[in-house]
Amino acid sequence: MSRKLVVVFLTMLVLVGAMGLKTVVTAHGDGSAIMANGAGPAPITPYKNGAGPAPITPYKNGAGPAPITPY
């Protein structure tokens, strides 16, 4: 057997084992979900800019001249 087939076989074996373990754990659980953040409050303004001012002209060209159309 080539190395690629061995790697694919071992990868599939690990995935099948992980799915089986997940099935066993969820079958014996009480249905509660574990959350990563826990009981902490949600952020008030999650998408607010930082302390810097907003850019005045964000899409302005640099110091070089505008390109000339070739045709």
Protein backbone atom coordinates (compact mmCIF):
# COMPACT_ATOMS: atom_id res chain seq x y z
CA MET A 1 0.00 0.00 0.00
CA SER A 2 1.30 3.43 -0.78
CA ARG A 3 1.90 6.13 1.81
CA LYS A 4 -1.04 8.21 0.58
CA LEU A 5 -3.46 5.33 1.07
CA VAL A 6 -2.11 4.70 4.57
CA VAL A 7 -2.56 8.38 5.48
CA VAL A 8 -6.10 8.43 4.07
CA PHE A 9 -6.96 5.22 5.91
CA LEU A 10 -5.62 6.51 9.25
CA THR A 11 -7.43 9.81 8.80
CA MET A 12 -10.71 8.06 8.10
CA LEU A 13 -10.16 5.80 11.09
CA VAL A 14 -9.65 8.82 13.37
CA LEU A 15 -12.75 10.54 12.00
CA VAL A 16 -14.94 7.46 12.44
CA GLY A 17 -13.65 7.06 16.00
CA ALA A 18 -14.38 10.70 16.79
CA MET A 19 -17.92 10.43 15.42
CA GLY A 20 -18.50 7.28 17.44
CA LEU A 21 -17.24 8.95 20.60
CA LYS A 22 -19.50 11.94 19.94
CA THR A 23 -22.47 9.61 19.53
CA VAL A 24 -21.72 7.85 22.81
CA VAL A 25 -21.26 11.13 24.71
CA THR A 26 -24.44 12.73 23.36
CA ALA A 27 -26.47 9.57 24.04
CA HIS A 28 -25.51 9.62 27.73
CA GLY A 29 -25.81 13.39 28.21
CA ASP A 30 -28.72 15.30 29.71
CA GLY A 31 -29.19 17.58 26.68
CA SER A 32 -27.55 20.68 28.12
CA ALA A 33 -25.16 22.59 25.91
CA ILE A 34 -21.83 23.94 27.08
CA MET A 35 -21.24 27.51 25.97
CA ALA A 36 -17.75 28.91 25.49
CA ASN A 37 -18.48 32.39 26.88
CA GLY A 38 -20.32 31.20 29.94
CA ALA A 39 -22.64 33.54 31.80
CA GLY A 40 -20.84 36.80 30.96
CA PRO A 41 -22.88 39.68 29.53
CA ALA A 42 -22.87 40.46 25.83
CA PRO A 43 -20.76 43.43 24.77
CA ILE A 44 -22.66 46.72 24.53
CA THR A 45 -21.20 48.01 21.26
CA PRO A 46 -19.33 45.13 19.65
CA TYR A 47 -18.60 46.85 16.32
CA LYS A 48 -17.61 50.29 17.52
CA ASN A 49 -14.46 51.92 16.15
CA GLY A 50 -11.51 52.40 18.44
CA ALA A 51 -10.23 55.72 19.76
CA GLY A 52 -8.82 56.87 16.41
CA PRO A 53 -10.80 59.18 14.13
CA ALA A 54 -12.52 57.82 11.07
CA PRO A 55 -10.52 58.29 7.85
CA ILE A 56 -11.46 61.39 5.86
CA THR A 57 -10.91 60.04 2.34
CA PRO A 58 -10.38 56.30 2.61
CA TYR A 59 -10.20 55.60 -1.15
CA LYS A 60 -7.99 58.48 -2.27
CA ASN A 61 -5.07 57.77 -4.60
CA GLY A 62 -1.55 58.08 -3.32
CA ALA A 63 0.99 60.71 -4.39
CA GLY A 64 1.46 59.29 -7.89
CA PRO A 65 -0.39 60.64 -10.93
CA ALA A 66 -3.56 59.02 -12.18
CA PRO A 67 -2.96 56.27 -14.77
CA ILE A 68 -3.30 57.18 -18.45
CA THR A 69 -5.57 54.95 -20.52
CA PRO A 70 -3.40 52.90 -22.93
CA TYR A 71 -5.94 52.80 -25.79
